[in-house]
C-alpha cells in the first residue's frame, strides 16, 4: 500500500515521453490487435452472490473494435462503494461471471477505424469513467477495457521551460477521477450548461457531502463555472482549508444539528439558498430539502446523487414546477447523450490543462500482490470498513 498527495506532486520526474510507453507499438499505429494484445486476459470476477471475488484468466479480449472505440491496457483502477455494494446487495449484476469496475487509467493499445489517431496514438496515456455497466467490455476490473474514444480523457500535460512536455499528474491519480467527475457534472447539469457561456446568475448553492469524491469535483466545477454567488459546503470542519482552496466559499460542520446548520446557512445567506446537491443519503437529502424550503419564496431545486428525500410537504413533487423541484442524478447520460458526454470531456480537459480542476489530493494505492485482483479486493475491503474522507482509493493491476 502506498500513500501519495497531489500537492506534493512535482513535474520533474514525470516527463511525458509517449513513444516509450508502449514499445511493442514500434513506429506504426496500424498494427493489428493480434500483434499488440493477447486473446485472453485476467479479470476479477463475481462468480455468484455467495462466493468471494475470484481471479479468472480466460476472459476474452475484444479483437474487433467499433469505429470509435479504443482498447486500453489498464494500469490502475479506481475503487468505489458500488463495486462491493452491488454484490452484497445484489444489484447491477445481470449474469455470471460478472466483472465490476467503473473507472481506470492506462495506455491505448488499439483503436477503431474512425478514432482520431493523432489524439489517441498507440501508447497514449488516458483515463475513463465507464457508465455503460451492462457492457462488460467496458468494465475495469480486468486487464483490458474497451470504450468510446470520444468519451475518454487524455492525461493532461504541461510544457516545461525547456519545452519538454510533462504530466499534470500520474496514472494512479488519474484512475480515481472518472466516476466522481462524471457524477458531479451530471448533478450540476440540472442547474447549468457547464460548457456554454451563460452569465445568468443562479444564486447560492449548498453541497452536502463535500469530502466525497463527487463532492470534491462538484465544488471545483461549481467554482469554475462562475455562476453561483456562493458555494456552501456541509462537511467535516477538519477539511475546511482544503475545501476552501478548491472553491467553497464557506464550510459548515456536518456534525451540527439540522437547526444549527439551517441557522448557519441563514446567517451566511440571508437572501436564502435556492440550489442544493446532496451526495450522502436519504436522511441528509431530507434535511437539505427542509432547509431549502425556508427563506424566500423563489423556486428551489434539490439534486440527489444517492436517494431522494422523504417528501414532507404536499407541495414537493419530483420533477415538477413546484416550490421545491427534486431531481435524481443519472450518470448514464454521459454515454447515452453523446453530444453531452463529448462536450463534458472537452470542457473538463481544458479545466485540467488550465489548472481549474485537479484530482483528489490524498491517494491510497493498493499495490499488486498475489493473484490478479488481490490489490482490488484488499482495497475494497478497506474502503467498506474505513469509509475514507477526502481521500481516493485506487489499485494497481
Protein backbone atom coordinates (compact mmCIF):
# COMPACT_ATOMS: atom_id res chain seq x y z
CA UNK A 1 0.00 0.00 0.00
CA UNK A 2 1.29 3.46 -0.92
CA UNK A 3 0.03 6.90 0.09
CA UNK A 4 0.52 9.93 -2.15
CA UNK A 5 -0.57 13.57 -2.09
CA UNK A 6 -1.28 15.69 -5.14
CA UNK A 7 0.11 18.84 -3.51
CA UNK A 8 3.46 17.07 -3.15
CA UNK A 9 3.48 16.01 -6.79
CA UNK A 10 6.20 17.52 -8.98
CA UNK A 11 6.69 17.51 -12.73
CA UNK A 12 10.46 16.96 -12.71
CA UNK A 13 10.21 13.17 -12.60
CA UNK A 14 7.18 12.90 -14.86
CA UNK A 15 8.46 13.86 -18.28
CA UNK A 16 5.96 12.83 -20.92
CA UNK A 17 7.63 10.56 -23.50
CA UNK A 18 4.74 8.81 -25.12
CA UNK A 19 6.78 6.84 -27.65
CA UNK A 20 8.48 4.94 -24.80
CA UNK A 21 5.28 3.96 -23.04
CA UNK A 22 4.36 1.11 -25.33
CA UNK A 23 7.39 -0.29 -27.08
CA UNK A 24 5.53 -3.05 -28.93
CA UNK A 25 3.72 -0.41 -30.98
CA UNK A 26 7.08 0.50 -32.60
CA UNK A 27 6.66 3.11 -35.34
CA UNK A 28 3.27 2.08 -36.63
CA UNK A 29 -0.21 2.91 -35.37
CA UNK A 30 -1.81 0.48 -37.80
CA UNK A 31 -0.63 -2.81 -36.31
CA UNK A 32 -3.35 -5.41 -35.82
CA UNK A 33 -4.72 -6.16 -32.39
CA UNK A 34 -3.28 -9.68 -32.66
CA UNK A 35 0.22 -8.18 -32.52
CA UNK A 36 -0.48 -5.85 -29.63
CA UNK A 37 -2.64 -7.80 -27.20
CA UNK A 38 -3.45 -11.40 -26.28
CA UNK A 39 -6.76 -13.08 -26.99
CA UNK A 40 -7.37 -13.85 -23.33
CA UNK A 41 -6.96 -11.75 -20.21
CA UNK A 42 -7.13 -11.90 -16.44
CA UNK A 43 -10.04 -10.37 -14.55
CA UNK A 44 -11.54 -10.18 -11.08
CA UNK A 45 -14.98 -11.75 -11.38
CA UNK A 46 -18.19 -12.25 -9.44
CA UNK A 47 -18.98 -15.95 -9.90
CA UNK A 48 -22.13 -15.78 -7.77
CA UNK A 49 -23.54 -13.68 -4.95
CA UNK A 50 -22.36 -16.03 -2.20
CA UNK A 51 -18.71 -16.67 -3.11
CA UNK A 52 -15.76 -14.33 -2.70
CA UNK A 53 -14.47 -12.43 -5.71
CA UNK A 54 -12.13 -14.65 -7.70
CA UNK A 55 -9.41 -14.31 -10.32
CA UNK A 56 -10.11 -15.63 -13.82
CA UNK A 57 -7.66 -15.97 -16.70
CA UNK A 58 -10.00 -16.99 -19.50
CA UNK A 59 -11.81 -13.73 -20.22
CA UNK A 60 -11.77 -12.85 -23.92
CA UNK A 61 -10.09 -9.65 -25.09
CA UNK A 62 -12.06 -7.77 -27.74
CA UNK A 63 -10.30 -8.26 -31.08
CA UNK A 64 -12.65 -6.24 -33.30
CA UNK A 65 -13.34 -2.69 -32.18
CA UNK A 66 -16.20 -0.43 -33.18
CA UNK A 67 -15.46 2.58 -35.38
CA UNK A 68 -14.83 4.98 -32.49
CA UNK A 69 -13.68 2.50 -29.86
CA UNK A 70 -10.24 2.23 -28.33
CA UNK A 71 -8.71 -0.65 -26.39
CA UNK A 72 -6.98 0.38 -23.17
CA UNK A 73 -4.48 -1.68 -21.21
CA UNK A 74 -5.35 -0.80 -17.62
CA UNK A 75 -2.58 0.17 -15.22
CA UNK A 76 -4.65 1.40 -12.25
CA UNK A 77 -8.34 1.08 -11.37
CA UNK A 78 -10.40 3.33 -9.13
CA UNK A 79 -12.37 1.78 -6.26
CA UNK A 80 -15.92 2.85 -5.46
CA UNK A 81 -18.51 1.75 -2.91
CA UNK A 82 -20.78 0.46 -5.67
CA UNK A 83 -18.10 -2.12 -6.51
CA UNK A 84 -18.72 -4.01 -3.26
CA UNK A 85 -22.31 -2.94 -2.64
CA UNK A 86 -23.58 -4.32 -5.96
CA UNK A 87 -22.50 -7.82 -4.98
CA UNK A 88 -23.52 -7.53 -1.32
CA UNK A 89 -26.99 -6.18 -2.09
CA UNK A 90 -27.46 -7.93 -5.45
CA UNK A 91 -27.98 -5.10 -7.92
CA UNK A 92 -26.45 -4.12 -11.28
CA UNK A 93 -25.25 -7.71 -11.81
CA UNK A 94 -27.14 -9.49 -14.58
CA UNK A 95 -25.19 -12.69 -15.31
CA UNK A 96 -22.23 -14.75 -14.13
CA UNK A 97 -19.31 -14.47 -14.29
CA UNK A 98 -19.66 -10.70 -13.89
CA UNK A 99 -16.93 -8.04 -13.98
CA UNK A 100 -17.24 -4.85 -11.96
CA UNK A 101 -15.12 -1.70 -12.01
CA UNK A 102 -16.22 1.70 -13.29
CA UNK A 103 -13.02 3.73 -13.74
CA UNK A 104 -9.38 3.22 -14.69
CA UNK A 105 -6.27 4.66 -16.29
CA UNK A 106 -3.89 3.08 -18.75
CA UNK A 107 -2.45 3.19 -22.25
CA UNK A 108 -4.08 2.89 -25.67
CA UNK A 109 -3.17 -0.36 -27.46
CA UNK A 110 -5.73 -0.43 -30.27
CA UNK A 111 -8.36 1.68 -31.99
CA UNK A 112 -11.25 1.50 -34.41
CA UNK A 113 -11.25 2.91 -37.94
CA UNK A 114 -12.67 6.35 -37.12
CA UNK A 115 -10.71 7.05 -33.92
CA UNK A 116 -8.78 10.32 -34.04
CA UNK A 117 -5.33 8.74 -34.07
CA UNK A 118 -3.42 11.99 -33.56
CA UNK A 119 -5.30 12.35 -30.24
CA UNK A 120 -5.12 8.66 -29.32
CA UNK A 121 -1.95 7.18 -30.81
CA UNK A 122 -0.80 3.82 -29.54
CA UNK A 123 0.83 4.40 -26.17
CA UNK A 124 -1.29 7.44 -25.29
CA UNK A 125 -2.00 7.71 -21.56
CA UNK A 126 -5.70 8.01 -20.81
CA UNK A 127 -8.35 7.67 -18.10
CA UNK A 128 -12.03 6.86 -18.27
CA UNK A 129 -15.37 6.58 -16.49
CA UNK A 130 -17.34 3.52 -17.55
CA UNK A 131 -21.02 4.42 -17.22
CA UNK A 132 -22.12 1.65 -19.61
CA UNK A 133 -22.19 -1.01 -16.90
CA UNK A 134 -24.22 -3.59 -18.85
CA UNK A 135 -21.40 -3.93 -21.39
CA UNK A 136 -18.70 -5.98 -19.65
CA UNK A 137 -16.12 -4.96 -22.24
CA UNK A 138 -16.20 -1.53 -20.60
CA UNK A 139 -15.69 -2.81 -17.05
CA UNK A 140 -12.31 -2.07 -15.49
CA UNK A 141 -11.52 -4.90 -13.07
CA UNK A 142 -9.71 -6.62 -15.94
CA UNK A 143 -6.51 -6.15 -17.91
CA UNK A 144 -8.12 -4.53 -20.96
CA UNK A 145 -11.10 -2.19 -21.29
CA UNK A 146 -12.95 -1.07 -24.42
CA UNK A 147 -14.57 2.36 -24.54
CA UNK A 148 -15.76 5.04 -26.95
CA UNK A 149 -12.72 7.26 -27.61
CA UNK A 150 -14.94 10.35 -27.74
CA UNK A 151 -15.67 9.85 -24.03
CA UNK A 152 -12.10 9.23 -22.86
CA UNK A 153 -9.69 11.76 -21.34
CA UNK A 154 -6.02 12.13 -22.19
CA UNK A 155 -3.68 12.68 -19.24
CA UNK A 156 -3.30 16.49 -19.17
CA UNK A 157 0.14 17.85 -19.94
CA UNK A 158 2.12 20.98 -19.18
CA UNK A 159 5.04 22.36 -21.18
CA UNK A 160 8.14 22.96 -19.06
CA UNK A 161 10.57 25.84 -19.50
CA UNK A 162 12.80 23.74 -21.77
CA UNK A 163 9.83 22.87 -23.99
CA UNK A 164 9.51 19.28 -22.75
CA UNK A 165 6.02 18.01 -22.02
CA UNK A 166 5.30 16.69 -18.52
CA UNK A 167 2.22 15.11 -16.99
CA UNK A 168 -0.01 17.24 -14.78
CA UNK A 169 -0.49 14.07 -12.72
CA UNK A 170 0.33 10.37 -12.97
CA UNK A 171 -1.83 7.41 -13.94
CA UNK A 172 -2.51 6.48 -10.31
CA UNK A 173 -4.17 9.84 -9.59
CA UNK A 174 -5.99 9.68 -12.93
CA UNK A 175 -7.55 6.28 -12.19
CA UNK A 176 -9.71 7.72 -9.42
CA UNK A 177 -11.15 10.69 -11.30
CA UNK A 178 -13.78 9.33 -13.68
CA UNK A 179 -16.79 8.33 -11.59
CA UNK A 180 -16.67 11.28 -9.21
CA UNK A 181 -16.17 13.81 -12.01
CA UNK A 182 -18.90 12.44 -14.27
CA UNK A 183 -21.37 12.24 -11.36
CA UNK A 184 -20.56 15.80 -10.30
CA UNK A 185 -21.08 17.02 -13.84
CA UNK A 186 -24.39 15.18 -14.10
CA UNK A 187 -25.57 16.75 -10.84
CA UNK A 188 -24.65 20.29 -11.89
CA UNK A 189 -26.15 19.81 -15.34
CA UNK A 190 -29.57 20.02 -13.68
CA UNK A 191 -28.76 23.69 -12.97
CA UNK A 192 -26.42 24.85 -15.70
CA UNK A 193 -24.88 24.04 -19.06
CA UNK A 194 -21.29 23.77 -17.89
CA UNK A 195 -19.57 24.14 -21.24
CA UNK A 196 -21.65 27.07 -22.58
CA UNK A 197 -21.02 30.70 -21.67
CA UNK A 198 -24.05 31.97 -19.77
CA UNK A 199 -23.84 34.88 -17.36
CA UNK A 200 -27.26 34.27 -15.82
CA UNK A 201 -26.75 34.31 -12.01
CA UNK A 202 -28.03 31.23 -10.22
CA UNK A 203 -27.99 32.34 -6.61
CA UNK A 204 -26.41 30.24 -3.87
CA UNK A 205 -25.53 26.55 -3.95
CA UNK A 206 -25.20 24.23 -0.95
CA UNK A 207 -23.45 20.86 -1.29
CA UNK A 208 -23.95 18.22 1.41
CA UNK A 209 -21.09 15.73 1.37
CA UNK A 210 -18.19 17.91 0.31
CA UNK A 211 -15.40 15.44 1.15
CA UNK A 212 -16.76 12.61 -1.02
CA UNK A 213 -15.17 12.29 -4.45
CA UNK A 214 -18.40 13.57 -6.02
CA UNK A 215 -18.49 16.48 -3.60
CA UNK A 216 -14.89 17.45 -4.27
CA UNK A 217 -15.42 17.59 -8.03
CA UNK A 218 -18.79 19.34 -7.64
CA UNK A 219 -17.11 22.13 -5.65
CA UNK A 220 -14.46 22.59 -8.32
CA UNK A 221 -16.89 22.55 -11.24
CA UNK A 222 -19.28 24.94 -9.48
CA UNK A 223 -16.43 27.35 -8.75
CA UNK A 224 -15.03 27.13 -12.29
CA UNK A 225 -18.45 27.87 -13.79
CA UNK A 226 -18.59 31.25 -12.05
CA UNK A 227 -22.38 31.00 -12.00
CA UNK A 228 -23.05 30.76 -8.27
CA UNK A 229 -22.93 33.66 -5.84
CA UNK A 230 -21.77 31.40 -3.02
CA UNK A 231 -20.80 27.73 -2.86
CA UNK A 232 -21.54 26.46 0.63
CA UNK A 233 -20.35 23.03 1.68
CA UNK A 234 -21.53 20.83 4.55
CA UNK A 235 -18.63 18.59 5.56
CA UNK A 236 -16.20 17.76 8.37
CA UNK A 237 -14.58 21.00 9.53
CA UNK A 238 -11.13 19.42 9.59
CA UNK A 239 -11.15 19.71 5.79
CA UNK A 240 -12.08 23.41 5.83
CA UNK A 241 -8.77 24.67 4.39
CA UNK A 242 -8.72 22.11 1.58
CA UNK A 243 -12.35 22.63 0.53
CA UNK A 244 -11.99 26.40 0.55
CA UNK A 245 -8.92 26.12 -1.67
CA UNK A 246 -10.97 24.08 -4.13
CA UNK A 247 -13.69 26.72 -4.30
CA UNK A 248 -16.01 26.51 -1.28
CA UNK A 249 -16.92 29.96 -0.02
CA UNK A 250 -17.98 28.55 3.37
CA UNK A 251 -17.69 25.16 5.10
CA UNK A 252 -20.35 24.23 7.68
CA UNK A 253 -19.71 21.42 10.15
CA UNK A 254 -21.78 18.35 9.22
CA UNK A 255 -21.89 17.33 12.90
CA UNK A 256 -24.15 20.26 13.79
CA UNK A 257 -27.86 19.68 14.24
CA UNK A 258 -30.32 20.38 11.45
CA UNK A 259 -31.42 23.54 13.24
CA UNK A 260 -27.84 24.73 13.72
CA UNK A 261 -26.93 24.06 10.08
CA UNK A 262 -30.05 25.93 8.98
CA UNK A 263 -29.14 28.88 11.22
CA UNK A 264 -25.58 28.96 9.85
CA UNK A 265 -26.86 29.00 6.28
CA UNK A 266 -29.29 31.81 7.08
CA UNK A 267 -26.51 33.90 8.60
CA UNK A 268 -24.31 33.43 5.54
CA UNK A 269 -27.15 33.78 3.03
CA UNK A 270 -29.93 35.95 4.49
CA UNK A 271 -31.43 36.04 0.98
CA UNK A 272 -31.80 32.26 1.12
CA UNK A 273 -30.39 29.25 -0.72
CA UNK A 274 -32.13 28.11 -3.89
CA UNK A 275 -29.89 25.29 -5.17
CA UNK A 276 -28.81 22.15 -3.33
CA UNK A 277 -26.92 18.94 -4.10
CA UNK A 278 -26.95 16.01 -1.68
CA UNK A 279 -24.22 13.39 -2.05
CA UNK A 280 -24.81 11.36 1.13
CA UNK A 281 -28.15 9.70 1.86
CA UNK A 282 -31.94 9.87 2.00
CA UNK A 283 -31.65 11.28 5.53
CA UNK A 284 -29.38 14.17 4.60
CA UNK A 285 -31.39 14.81 1.43
CA UNK A 286 -34.49 15.13 3.62
CA UNK A 287 -32.75 17.60 5.94
CA UNK A 288 -31.50 19.60 2.98
CA UNK A 289 -34.96 19.68 1.40
CA UNK A 290 -36.34 21.13 4.64
CA UNK A 291 -33.60 23.76 4.74
CA UNK A 292 -34.16 24.78 1.11
CA UNK A 293 -37.85 25.41 1.79
CA UNK A 294 -37.02 28.08 4.32
CA UNK A 295 -36.34 31.69 3.44
CA UNK A 296 -37.50 33.36 0.26
CA UNK A 297 -40.36 32.07 -1.89
CA UNK A 298 -38.22 31.69 -5.02
CA UNK A 299 -38.27 28.39 -6.85
CA UNK A 300 -35.81 25.93 -5.29
CA UNK A 301 -34.17 22.84 -6.73
CA UNK A 302 -32.53 19.87 -4.99
CA UNK A 303 -30.43 17.31 -6.88
CA UNK A 304 -29.87 13.96 -5.17
CA UNK A 305 -26.91 11.74 -6.02
CA UNK A 306 -27.85 8.82 -3.73
CA UNK A 307 -31.54 8.89 -2.78
CA UNK A 308 -34.37 11.38 -2.93
CA UNK A 309 -35.75 12.64 0.41
CA UNK A 310 -38.82 11.65 2.32
CA UNK A 311 -41.43 14.05 0.99
CA UNK A 312 -42.51 16.07 3.99
CA UNK A 313 -44.94 18.52 2.39
CA UNK A 314 -47.66 18.25 -0.21
CA UNK A 315 -46.08 20.91 -2.44
CA UNK A 316 -42.93 18.89 -3.14
CA UNK A 317 -43.20 16.85 -6.30
CA UNK A 318 -40.36 15.08 -8.05
CA UNK A 319 -39.56 16.80 -11.34
CA UNK A 320 -42.50 19.21 -11.19
CA UNK A 321 -42.58 23.00 -11.26
CA UNK A 322 -43.43 23.44 -7.62
CA UNK A 323 -41.80 25.39 -4.82
CA UNK A 324 -39.12 22.71 -4.49
CA UNK A 325 -38.13 20.64 -7.52
CA UNK A 326 -36.32 17.37 -6.74
CA UNK A 327 -34.13 15.68 -9.33
CA UNK A 328 -32.19 12.40 -9.29
CA UNK A 329 -28.76 12.09 -10.88
CA UNK A 330 -28.41 9.57 -13.71
CA UNK A 331 -24.80 9.21 -14.82
CA UNK A 332 -25.83 7.08 -17.83
CA UNK A 333 -26.46 10.40 -19.55
CA UNK A 334 -22.69 10.56 -20.05
CA UNK A 335 -22.67 7.79 -22.68
CA UNK A 336 -26.33 7.83 -23.77
CA UNK A 337 -26.20 11.51 -24.80
CA UNK A 338 -23.02 11.54 -26.88
CA UNK A 339 -23.11 15.29 -27.53
CA UNK A 340 -23.30 15.96 -23.80
CA UNK A 341 -20.58 13.41 -22.98
CA UNK A 342 -18.16 14.73 -25.60
CA UNK A 343 -18.71 18.32 -24.53
CA UNK A 344 -18.14 17.38 -20.90
CA UNK A 345 -14.85 15.61 -21.67
CA UNK A 346 -13.65 18.55 -23.78
CA UNK A 347 -14.67 21.10 -21.16
CA UNK A 348 -13.14 19.31 -18.19
CA UNK A 349 -9.98 18.53 -20.19
CA UNK A 350 -9.49 22.28 -20.61
CA UNK A 351 -10.07 22.81 -16.90
CA UNK A 352 -7.38 20.24 -16.05
CA UNK A 353 -4.95 21.80 -18.51
CA UNK A 354 -5.59 25.33 -17.22
CA UNK A 355 -5.38 24.40 -13.53
CA UNK A 356 -9.05 24.94 -12.58
CA UNK A 357 -9.54 21.25 -11.88
CA UNK A 358 -7.34 18.75 -10.05
CA UNK A 359 -7.55 15.17 -8.71
CA UNK A 360 -8.41 14.46 -5.08
CA UNK A 361 -5.29 15.42 -3.14
CA UNK A 362 -4.93 12.31 -0.92
CA UNK A 363 -4.45 8.99 -2.69
CA UNK A 364 -4.07 5.47 -1.30
CA UNK A 365 -2.68 2.97 -3.81
CA UNK A 366 -3.08 -0.76 -3.19
CA UNK A 367 -0.12 -2.48 -4.81
CA UNK A 368 -0.06 -5.67 -6.88
CA UNK A 369 0.34 -8.80 -4.78
CA UNK A 370 -0.60 -12.46 -5.18
CA UNK A 371 -3.15 -13.44 -7.82
CA UNK A 372 -4.64 -10.93 -10.23
CA UNK A 373 -7.11 -8.68 -8.43
CA UNK A 374 -5.79 -9.16 -4.88
CA UNK A 375 -4.95 -5.45 -4.78
CA UNK A 376 -8.54 -4.63 -5.76
CA UNK A 377 -10.01 -6.99 -3.15
CA UNK A 378 -7.81 -5.55 -0.40
CA UNK A 379 -8.76 -2.02 -1.38
CA UNK A 380 -12.49 -2.77 -1.47
CA UNK A 381 -12.36 -4.39 1.97
CA UNK A 382 -10.67 -1.33 3.46
CA UNK A 383 -12.97 1.03 1.57
CA UNK A 384 -16.01 -0.66 3.14
CA UNK A 385 -14.56 -0.58 6.65
CA UNK A 386 -12.90 2.84 6.78
CA UNK A 387 -15.17 4.95 4.54
CA UNK A 388 -12.39 7.43 3.66
CA UNK A 389 -12.96 11.18 3.70
CA UNK A 390 -11.25 13.47 1.17
CA UNK A 391 -9.15 10.50 0.05
CA UNK A 392 -9.36 8.26 -3.00
CA UNK A 393 -8.53 4.54 -3.16
CA UNK A 394 -7.06 3.02 -6.31
CA UNK A 395 -5.43 -0.34 -7.06
CA UNK A 396 -2.55 -1.15 -9.39
CA UNK A 397 -3.02 -4.18 -11.62
